[in-house]
C-alpha atoms as a PDB file:
ATOM      1  CA  MET A   1     -11.524  31.759  22.851  1.00  0.00           C
ATOM      2  CA  ALA A   2     -12.313  30.149  19.238  1.00  0.00           C
ATOM      3  CA  GLY A   3      -9.393  32.290  17.864  1.00  0.00           C
ATOM      4  CA  ALA A   4      -6.893  31.487  20.263  1.00  0.00           C
ATOM      5  CA  ASN A   5      -8.018  26.958  19.376  1.00  0.00           C
ATOM      6  CA  ALA A   6      -7.094  28.174  15.819  1.00  0.00           C
ATOM      7  CA  ALA A   7      -4.059  29.589  16.093  1.00  0.00           C
ATOM      8  CA  ARG A   8      -2.419  26.718  18.111  1.00  0.00           C
ATOM      9  CA  GLU A   9      -3.781  24.555  15.463  1.00  0.00           C
ATOM     10  CA  LEU A  10      -1.959  26.225  12.930  1.00  0.00           C
ATOM     11  CA  GLU A  11       1.393  26.061  15.107  1.00  0.00           C
ATOM     12  CA  LYS A  12       0.897  22.490  15.435  1.00  0.00           C
ATOM     13  CA  ARG A  13       0.429  22.149  12.201  1.00  0.00           C
ATOM     14  CA  LEU A  14       3.112  23.771  10.971  1.00  0.00           C
ATOM     15  CA  LEU A  15       5.492  22.466  13.289  1.00  0.00           C
ATOM     16  CA  ARG A  16       4.704  18.868  11.664  1.00  0.00           C
ATOM     17  CA  GLU A  17       4.826  19.887   8.542  1.00  0.00           C
ATOM     18  CA  GLU A  18       8.791  20.969   9.011  1.00  0.00           C
ATOM     19  CA  GLU A  19       9.317  18.380  11.220  1.00  0.00           C
ATOM     20  CA  GLU A  20       8.558  16.473   8.595  1.00  0.00           C
ATOM     21  CA  MET A  21      10.590  18.040   5.992  1.00  0.00           C
ATOM     22  CA  ALA A  22      13.725  18.339   8.511  1.00  0.00           C
ATOM     23  CA  ALA A  23      13.122  14.758   8.416  1.00  0.00           C
ATOM     24  CA  VAL A  24      13.042  14.362   4.150  1.00  0.00           C
ATOM     25  CA  PHE A  25      16.700  17.464   4.294  1.00  0.00           C
ATOM     26  CA  MET A  26      17.953  14.425   6.535  1.00  0.00           C
ATOM     27  CA  LEU A  27      17.176  11.316   4.451  1.00  0.00           C
ATOM     28  CA  LYS A  28      18.876  13.164   1.183  1.00  0.00           C
ATOM     29  CA  ASP A  29      21.787  14.035   3.387  1.00  0.00           C
ATOM     30  CA  LEU A  30      21.823  10.262   4.529  1.00  0.00           C
ATOM     31  CA  LEU A  31      21.600   8.868   0.851  1.00  0.00           C
ATOM     32  CA  SER A  32      24.167  11.325  -0.691  1.00  0.00           C
ATOM     33  CA  MET A  33      21.558  12.056  -3.217  1.00  0.00           C
ATOM     34  CA  ASP A  34      20.996  15.263  -5.635  1.00  0.00           C
ATOM     35  CA  ARG A  35      17.862  16.756  -5.014  1.00  0.00           C
ATOM     36  CA  LEU A  36      15.477  15.783  -1.801  1.00  0.00           C
ATOM     37  CA  PRO A  37      12.902  13.443  -2.234  1.00  0.00           C
ATOM     38  CA  GLU A  38      10.630  15.155  -2.391  1.00  0.00           C
ATOM     39  CA  ARG A  39       8.527  11.787  -3.716  1.00  0.00           C
ATOM     40  CA  ILE A  40       8.562   8.428  -2.628  1.00  0.00           C
ATOM     41  CA  GLU A  41       7.063   5.319  -3.910  1.00  0.00           C
ATOM     42  CA  CYS A  42       7.586   1.870  -1.967  1.00  0.00           C
ATOM     43  CA  PHE A  43       5.373  -1.107  -3.097  1.00  0.00           C
ATOM     44  CA  ASP A  44       4.216  -4.311  -1.515  1.00  0.00           C
ATOM     45  CA  ASN A  45       3.387  -7.490  -2.012  1.00  0.00           C
ATOM     46  CA  SER A  46       0.875  -9.200  -0.290  1.00  0.00           C
ATOM     47  CA  ASN A  47      -0.715 -13.036  -0.938  1.00  0.00           C
ATOM     48  CA  LEU A  48      -2.803 -15.358   0.574  1.00  0.00           C
ATOM     49  CA  ALA A  49      -0.487 -18.901   0.914  1.00  0.00           C
ATOM     50  CA  GLY A  50       1.178 -18.026  -2.477  1.00  0.00           C
ATOM     51  CA  GLN A  51      -2.443 -17.942  -3.868  1.00  0.00           C
ATOM     52  CA  ASP A  52      -4.082 -14.899  -5.743  1.00  0.00           C
ATOM     53  CA  PRO A  53      -1.007 -11.749  -5.603  1.00  0.00           C
ATOM     54  CA  VAL A  54      -1.671  -7.880  -5.673  1.00  0.00           C
ATOM     55  CA  SER A  55       1.154  -5.689  -4.915  1.00  0.00           C
ATOM     56  CA  ALA A  56       0.254  -1.820  -3.650  1.00  0.00           C
ATOM     57  CA  MET A  57       2.173   1.580  -4.227  1.00  0.00           C
ATOM     58  CA  VAL A  58       2.293   3.869  -1.330  1.00  0.00           C
ATOM     59  CA  VAL A  59       3.114   7.651  -2.384  1.00  0.00           C
ATOM     60  CA  PHE A  60       4.656  10.384   0.069  1.00  0.00           C
ATOM     61  CA  LYS A  61       4.947  13.868  -0.662  1.00  0.00           C
ATOM     62  CA  ASP A  62       7.464  16.500   1.400  1.00  0.00           C
ATOM     63  CA  GLY A  63       7.377  13.908   4.224  1.00  0.00           C
ATOM     64  CA  ARG A  64       4.139  12.745   4.132  1.00  0.00           C
ATOM     65  CA  PRO A  65       1.559  10.765   3.031  1.00  0.00           C
ATOM     66  CA  HIS A  66      -0.068  11.392  -0.780  1.00  0.00           C
ATOM     67  CA  LYS A  67      -2.500   8.754  -0.926  1.00  0.00           C
ATOM     68  CA  ASP A  68      -4.716  10.443  -3.937  1.00  0.00           C
ATOM     69  CA  GLY A  69      -1.328   8.890  -5.466  1.00  0.00           C
ATOM     70  CA  TYR A  70      -1.320   4.980  -3.772  1.00  0.00           C
ATOM     71  CA  ARG A  71      -2.698   2.674  -6.480  1.00  0.00           C
ATOM     72  CA  LYS A  72      -3.301  -1.185  -6.433  1.00  0.00           C
ATOM     73  CA  PHE A  73      -1.957  -4.107  -8.590  1.00  0.00           C
ATOM     74  CA  ILE A  74      -3.833  -6.801  -9.274  1.00  0.00           C
ATOM     75  CA  VAL A  75      -0.658  -9.970 -10.131  1.00  0.00           C
ATOM     76  CA  ARG A  76      -2.168 -11.662 -13.108  1.00  0.00           C
ATOM     77  CA  ASP A  77      -0.810 -15.664 -14.988  1.00  0.00           C
ATOM     78  CA  MET A  78       0.939 -16.739 -11.640  1.00  0.00           C
ATOM     79  CA  ASP A  79       0.823 -20.204 -11.070  1.00  0.00           C
ATOM     80  CA  THR A  80       3.443 -20.276  -8.500  1.00  0.00           C
ATOM     81  CA  PRO A  81       5.256 -17.540  -6.414  1.00  0.00           C
ATOM     82  CA  ASP A  82       8.069 -15.565  -7.924  1.00  0.00           C
ATOM     83  CA  ASP A  83       9.279 -12.555  -6.615  1.00  0.00           C
ATOM     84  CA  TYR A  84      11.215 -11.573  -9.668  1.00  0.00           C
ATOM     85  CA  ALA A  85       8.740 -11.720 -11.620  1.00  0.00           C
ATOM     86  CA  ALA A  86       5.865 -10.328  -9.596  1.00  0.00           C
ATOM     87  CA  MET A  87       8.232  -7.485  -9.325  1.00  0.00           C
ATOM     88  CA  PHE A  88       8.715  -7.145 -12.790  1.00  0.00           C
ATOM     89  CA  LYS A  89       4.889  -7.451 -14.001  1.00  0.00           C
ATOM     90  CA  VAL A  90       4.197  -4.936 -11.136  1.00  0.00           C
ATOM     91  CA  LEU A  91       6.862  -2.066 -11.232  1.00  0.00           C
ATOM     92  CA  SER A  92       6.624  -2.869 -15.526  1.00  0.00           C
ATOM     93  CA  ARG A  93       3.228  -1.545 -15.027  1.00  0.00           C
ATOM     94  CA  ARG A  94       3.733   1.050 -12.842  1.00  0.00           C
ATOM     95  CA  PHE A  95       6.596   3.342 -15.258  1.00  0.00           C
ATOM     96  CA  SER A  96       5.052   2.113 -18.806  1.00  0.00           C
ATOM     97  CA  LYS A  97       2.876   5.507 -17.467  1.00  0.00           C
ATOM     98  CA  ALA A  98       4.833   9.073 -18.579  1.00  0.00           C
ATOM     99  CA  PRO A  99       6.214  11.261 -16.281  1.00  0.00           C
ATOM    100  CA  PRO A 100       3.802  13.523 -17.523  1.00  0.00           C
ATOM    101  CA  GLU A 101       0.910  11.605 -16.130  1.00  0.00           C
ATOM    102  CA  MET A 102       2.540  10.139 -13.168  1.00  0.00           C
ATOM    103  CA  PRO A 103       5.914  11.410 -12.411  1.00  0.00           C
ATOM    104  CA  PHE A 104       8.464   9.276 -11.356  1.00  0.00           C
ATOM    105  CA  PRO A 105       9.155   9.116  -7.495  1.00  0.00           C
ATOM    106  CA  ASP A 106      13.084  10.708  -6.105  1.00  0.00           C
ATOM    107  CA  LEU A 107      13.080   7.646  -3.755  1.00  0.00           C
ATOM    108  CA  LEU A 108      11.579   3.985  -4.774  1.00  0.00           C
ATOM    109  CA  LEU A 109      12.003   1.960  -1.445  1.00  0.00           C
ATOM    110  CA  VAL A 110      11.930  -1.613  -1.551  1.00  0.00           C
ATOM    111  CA  ASP A 111      11.292  -3.621   1.128  1.00  0.00           C
ATOM    112  CA  GLY A 112      14.104  -5.973   1.965  1.00  0.00           C
ATOM    113  CA  GLY A 113      18.004  -5.651   1.871  1.00  0.00           C
ATOM    114  CA  LYS A 114      20.560  -6.441  -1.189  1.00  0.00           C
ATOM    115  CA  GLY A 115      18.655  -9.387  -1.979  1.00  0.00           C
ATOM    116  CA  GLN A 116      15.974  -7.326  -2.395  1.00  0.00           C
ATOM    117  CA  LEU A 117      17.788  -4.462  -4.114  1.00  0.00           C
ATOM    118  CA  GLY A 118      19.711  -6.057  -6.401  1.00  0.00           C
ATOM    119  CA  MET A 119      16.045  -7.952  -7.601  1.00  0.00           C
ATOM    120  CA  ALA A 120      14.422  -4.834  -8.154  1.00  0.00           C
ATOM    121  CA  LEU A 121      17.793  -2.830  -9.613  1.00  0.00           C
ATOM    122  CA  ALA A 122      18.130  -5.704 -12.490  1.00  0.00           C
ATOM    123  CA  VAL A 123      13.697  -4.597 -13.462  1.00  0.00           C
ATOM    124  CA  LEU A 124      14.911  -1.417 -12.968  1.00  0.00           C
ATOM    125  CA  LYS A 125      17.607  -2.739 -15.814  1.00  0.00           C
ATOM    126  CA  ASP A 126      15.485  -4.170 -17.517  1.00  0.00           C
ATOM    127  CA  LEU A 127      13.326  -0.758 -17.972  1.00  0.00           C
ATOM    128  CA  GLY A 128      16.057   0.864 -18.822  1.00  0.00           C
ATOM    129  CA  ILE A 129      15.514   3.341 -16.193  1.00  0.00           C
ATOM    130  CA  GLU A 130      18.228   2.138 -13.440  1.00  0.00           C
ATOM    131  CA  ASP A 131      19.574   5.746 -13.425  1.00  0.00           C
ATOM    132  CA  ARG A 132      16.191   7.887 -13.679  1.00  0.00           C
ATOM    133  CA  PHE A 133      16.364   8.143  -9.855  1.00  0.00           C
ATOM    134  CA  MET A 134      16.892   6.827  -6.446  1.00  0.00           C
ATOM    135  CA  THR A 135      16.400   2.971  -5.008  1.00  0.00           C
ATOM    136  CA  ALA A 136      17.563   2.190  -1.391  1.00  0.00           C
ATOM    137  CA  GLY A 137      16.656  -1.192  -0.030  1.00  0.00           C
ATOM    138  CA  LEU A 138      14.960  -1.205   3.877  1.00  0.00           C
ATOM    139  CA  ALA A 139      15.680  -4.396   5.872  1.00  0.00           C
ATOM    140  CA  LYS A 140      14.085  -4.869   9.287  1.00  0.00           C
ATOM    141  CA  LYS A 141      17.034  -5.288  12.382  1.00  0.00           C
ATOM    142  CA  ASP A 142      18.236  -8.580  13.313  1.00  0.00           C
ATOM    143  CA  GLU A 143      17.781  -8.394  17.291  1.00  0.00           C
ATOM    144  CA  ALA A 144      19.101 -11.867  17.059  1.00  0.00           C
ATOM    145  CA  LYS A 145      22.760  -9.867  16.786  1.00  0.00           C
ATOM    146  CA  GLY A 146      21.635  -7.074  18.834  1.00  0.00           C
ATOM    147  CA  GLU A 147      20.691  -4.486  16.165  1.00  0.00           C
ATOM    148  CA  ALA A 148      19.194  -1.705  17.335  1.00  0.00           C
ATOM    149  CA  TYR A 149      17.963   0.083  13.903  1.00  0.00           C
ATOM    150  CA  ASP A 150      16.792  -1.427  11.269  1.00  0.00           C
ATOM    151  CA  LYS A 151      19.113  -1.013   7.902  1.00  0.00           C
ATOM    152  CA  ILE A 152      19.046   1.050   4.875  1.00  0.00           C
ATOM    153  CA  TYR A 153      20.520  -1.113   1.670  1.00  0.00           C
ATOM    154  CA  ILE A 154      21.134   1.677  -1.097  1.00  0.00           C
ATOM    155  CA  PRO A 155      23.438   0.487  -4.489  1.00  0.00           C
ATOM    156  CA  GLY A 156      26.880   0.475  -4.857  1.00  0.00           C
ATOM    157  CA  ARG A 157      27.390  -0.677  -0.750  1.00  0.00           C
ATOM    158  CA  SER A 158      27.826  -3.622   0.904  1.00  0.00           C
ATOM    159  CA  ASN A 159      26.849  -2.348   3.913  1.00  0.00           C
ATOM    160  CA  PRO A 160      24.186  -0.853   5.559  1.00  0.00           C
ATOM    161  CA  LEU A 161      24.262   2.181   6.009  1.00  0.00           C
ATOM    162  CA  ASN A 162      24.833   4.278   9.729  1.00  0.00           C
ATOM    163  CA  THR A 163      22.271   6.093  11.232  1.00  0.00           C
ATOM    164  CA  ALA A 164      22.757   6.781  14.560  1.00  0.00           C
ATOM    165  CA  ASN A 165      22.442  10.304  13.622  1.00  0.00           C
ATOM    166  CA  ALA A 166      19.777  10.260  11.877  1.00  0.00           C
ATOM    167  CA  VAL A 167      17.151   8.852  12.874  1.00  0.00           C
ATOM    168  CA  LYS A 168      14.230  10.776  11.874  1.00  0.00           C
ATOM    169  CA  ALA A 169      15.566   9.806   8.189  1.00  0.00           C
ATOM    170  CA  LEU A 170      15.137   6.222   8.985  1.00  0.00           C
ATOM    171  CA  TYR A 171      11.921   6.599  11.253  1.00  0.00           C
ATOM    172  CA  LEU A 172      10.651   8.401   7.139  1.00  0.00           C
ATOM    173  CA  LEU A 173      10.857   5.254   5.789  1.00  0.00           C
ATOM    174  CA  GLN A 174       9.449   3.081   8.401  1.00  0.00           C
ATOM    175  CA  ARG A 175       6.796   4.711   8.264  1.00  0.00           C
ATOM    176  CA  VAL A 176       6.351   4.793   4.332  1.00  0.00           C
ATOM    177  CA  ARG A 177       7.197   0.801   4.278  1.00  0.00           C
ATOM    178  CA  ASP A 178       4.957   0.464   7.269  1.00  0.00           C
ATOM    179  CA  GLU A 179       1.966   2.324   5.222  1.00  0.00           C
ATOM    180  CA  ALA A 180       3.166  -0.078   2.001  1.00  0.00           C
ATOM    181  CA  HIS A 181       2.564  -2.730   4.344  1.00  0.00           C
ATOM    182  CA  ARG A 182      -0.665  -2.371   4.864  1.00  0.00           C
ATOM    183  CA  PHE A 183      -2.629  -0.862   2.829  1.00  0.00           C
ATOM    184  CA  ALA A 184      -1.849  -3.637   0.018  1.00  0.00           C
ATOM    185  CA  ILE A 185      -2.936  -6.330   3.194  1.00  0.00           C
ATOM    186  CA  THR A 186      -5.907  -4.248   2.809  1.00  0.00           C
ATOM    187  CA  PHE A 187      -6.190  -4.996  -0.685  1.00  0.00           C
ATOM    188  CA  GLN A 188      -5.530  -7.908  -0.259  1.00  0.00           C
ATOM    189  CA  ARG A 189      -8.081  -8.012   2.323  1.00  0.00           C
ATOM    190  CA  ASN A 190     -10.900  -6.531   0.408  1.00  0.00           C
ATOM    191  CA  ARG A 191     -10.975  -8.725  -1.828  1.00  0.00           C
ATOM    192  CA  ARG A 192     -11.008 -11.707  -0.284  1.00  0.00           C
ATOM    193  CA  GLU A 193     -13.775 -10.504   1.519  1.00  0.00           C
ATOM    194  CA  LYS A 194     -15.726 -10.154  -2.089  1.00  0.00           C
ATOM    195  CA  ARG A 195     -14.977 -13.309  -3.999  1.00  0.00           C
ATOM    196  CA  ALA A 196     -16.552 -14.660  -0.016  1.00  0.00           C
ATOM    197  CA  GLY A 197     -19.099 -12.534  -0.755  1.00  0.00           C
ATOM    198  CA  LEU A 198     -19.901 -13.551  -4.601  1.00  0.00           C
ATOM    199  CA  SER A 199     -19.755 -17.320  -4.072  1.00  0.00           C
ATOM    200  CA  PHE A 200     -22.311 -16.840  -0.485  1.00  0.00           C
ATOM    201  CA  LEU A 201     -24.460 -14.630  -3.429  1.00  0.00           C
ATOM    202  CA  ASP A 202     -24.959 -17.346  -6.220  1.00  0.00           C
ATOM    203  CA  GLY A 203     -26.678 -19.591  -3.899  1.00  0.00           C
ATOM    204  CA  ILE A 204     -29.034 -17.489  -2.447  1.00  0.00           C
ATOM    205  CA  PRO A 205     -32.421 -17.410  -5.377  1.00  0.00           C
ATOM    206  CA  GLY A 206     -33.675 -13.716  -6.644  1.00  0.00           C
ATOM    207  CA  ILE A 207     -30.074 -11.983  -6.207  1.00  0.00           C
ATOM    208  CA  GLY A 208     -28.861 -11.472  -9.744  1.00  0.00           C
ATOM    209  CA  PRO A 209     -25.931 -10.162 -11.159  1.00  0.00           C
ATOM    210  CA  LYS A 210     -27.241  -6.944 -11.108  1.00  0.00           C
ATOM    211  CA  LYS A 211     -28.072  -7.186  -7.731  1.00  0.00           C
ATOM    212  CA  LYS A 212     -25.363  -8.779  -6.665  1.00  0.00           C
ATOM    213  CA  LYS A 213     -22.868  -6.210  -8.003  1.00  0.00           C
ATOM    214  CA  ALA A 214     -24.906  -3.561  -5.305  1.00  0.00           C
ATOM    215  CA  LEU A 215     -25.030  -5.541  -2.943  1.00  0.00           C
ATOM    216  CA  LEU A 216     -21.052  -6.086  -3.118  1.00  0.00           C
ATOM    217  CA  LEU A 217     -20.340  -2.374  -4.834  1.00  0.00           C
ATOM    218  CA  HIS A 218     -22.306  -0.864  -0.945  1.00  0.00           C
ATOM    219  CA  PHE A 219     -20.547  -3.284   1.481  1.00  0.00           C
ATOM    220  CA  LYS A 220     -17.431  -4.079   0.042  1.00  0.00           C
ATOM    221  CA  GLY A 221     -18.078  -8.092   1.233  1.00  0.00           C
ATOM    222  CA  ILE A 222     -19.532  -9.984   3.996  1.00  0.00           C
ATOM    223  CA  THR A 223     -18.484  -8.300   6.932  1.00  0.00           C
ATOM    224  CA  LYS A 224     -20.511  -5.342   7.134  1.00  0.00           C
ATOM    225  CA  MET A 225     -23.418  -7.349   4.421  1.00  0.00           C
ATOM    226  CA  LYS A 226     -23.616  -9.561   7.763  1.00  0.00           C
ATOM    227  CA  ALA A 227     -23.447  -6.167  10.096  1.00  0.00           C
ATOM    228  CA  ALA A 228     -26.998  -4.752   8.202  1.00  0.00           C
ATOM    229  CA  SER A 229     -31.161  -4.741   8.920  1.00  0.00           C
ATOM    230  CA  ALA A 230     -32.967  -6.031   6.926  1.00  0.00           C
ATOM    231  CA  GLU A 231     -34.254  -2.653   5.965  1.00  0.00           C
ATOM    232  CA  GLU A 232     -30.574  -0.740   4.956  1.00  0.00           C
ATOM    233  CA  ILE A 233     -30.396  -3.804   2.623  1.00  0.00           C
ATOM    234  CA  ALA A 234     -34.081  -3.219   1.179  1.00  0.00           C
ATOM    235  CA  ALA A 235     -33.536   0.246   0.636  1.00  0.00           C
ATOM    236  CA  LEU A 236     -30.497  -0.574  -2.422  1.00  0.00           C
ATOM    237  CA  PRO A 237     -31.245  -0.811  -5.813  1.00  0.00           C
ATOM    238  CA  GLY A 238     -33.551  -3.739  -7.003  1.00  0.00           C
ATOM    239  CA  MET A 239     -34.116  -5.322  -3.365  1.00  0.00           C
ATOM    240  CA  THR A 240     -37.349  -5.932  -2.059  1.00  0.00           C
ATOM    241  CA  GLN A 241     -37.981  -6.806   2.252  1.00  0.00           C
ATOM    242  CA  MET A 242     -38.590 -10.136   1.376  1.00  0.00           C
ATOM    243  CA  LEU A 243     -35.565 -10.322   0.147  1.00  0.00           C
ATOM    244  CA  ALA A 244     -33.599  -8.458   2.653  1.00  0.00           C
ATOM    245  CA  GLU A 245     -34.786 -10.994   5.367  1.00  0.00           C
ATOM    246  CA  LYS A 246     -34.547 -13.882   2.812  1.00  0.00           C
ATOM    247  CA  LEU A 247     -30.421 -12.595   2.680  1.00  0.00           C
ATOM    248  CA  VAL A 248     -29.619 -11.827   6.489  1.00  0.00           C
ATOM    249  CA  ARG A 249     -31.676 -14.996   7.017  1.00  0.00           C
ATOM    250  CA  ALA A 250     -28.669 -16.483   5.150  1.00  0.00           C
ATOM    251  CA  LEU A 251     -25.433 -14.309   6.145  1.00  0.00           C
ATOM    252  CA  HIS A 252     -26.966 -15.970  10.364  1.00  0.00           C
ATOM    253  CA  GLU A 253     -27.248 -19.079   9.644  1.00  0.00           C
ATOM    254  CA  THR A 254     -24.141 -19.515   7.676  1.00  0.00           C
ATOM    255  CA  THR A 255     -21.991 -17.359   7.840  1.00  0.00           C
END
């Protein structure tokens, strides 16, 4: 029975990998690329009411997430929202890495239509790497206009590509974009939680920089800290049972 279950699981995995690679081949044909888009990168920016901007990069290899390649970027020194400046900062940092350290993508996916694609191409041109890989934009469908699918834009073409016979390729790009969005939102949320934790912990006597660091490293933010017991908190470096109980009371009184 164990052998049969293992065989079925292996068959499922092989079929899934075959489907993923079929989408990669279909995407190559759809974008008229001269090589397979084995490595796809996508960036997504996130901020809170225009403040504290961050960006996140996801990587797909052979049609599936390659989480070891994911990267997070904090966009500094920006007082006002500026999409081009943020994109320039992030792409400059990303592509400052030499290919042996971090290989160039086969395809860079931009979240948005012609405007966002044009912006990304301008940044890549400023960086002198506009011809090193393919770039494409993915725009949301306009349901008010009766559009059935999201739209793919590529350089040198004003209209989106016809994806009616390449839906698997479109779905692959949607997965990449949605994963970049999820990763960026999670990064932004975690930063907000840590910042909230810093300001909260500063007001509790007995919790200095070392204890604060230990708490935030362990719990990642206020939400998980609030769910912890005094015993769990007391077990952390430098904490005592009395201080942990004080922290638990403060968490439940003010958050």
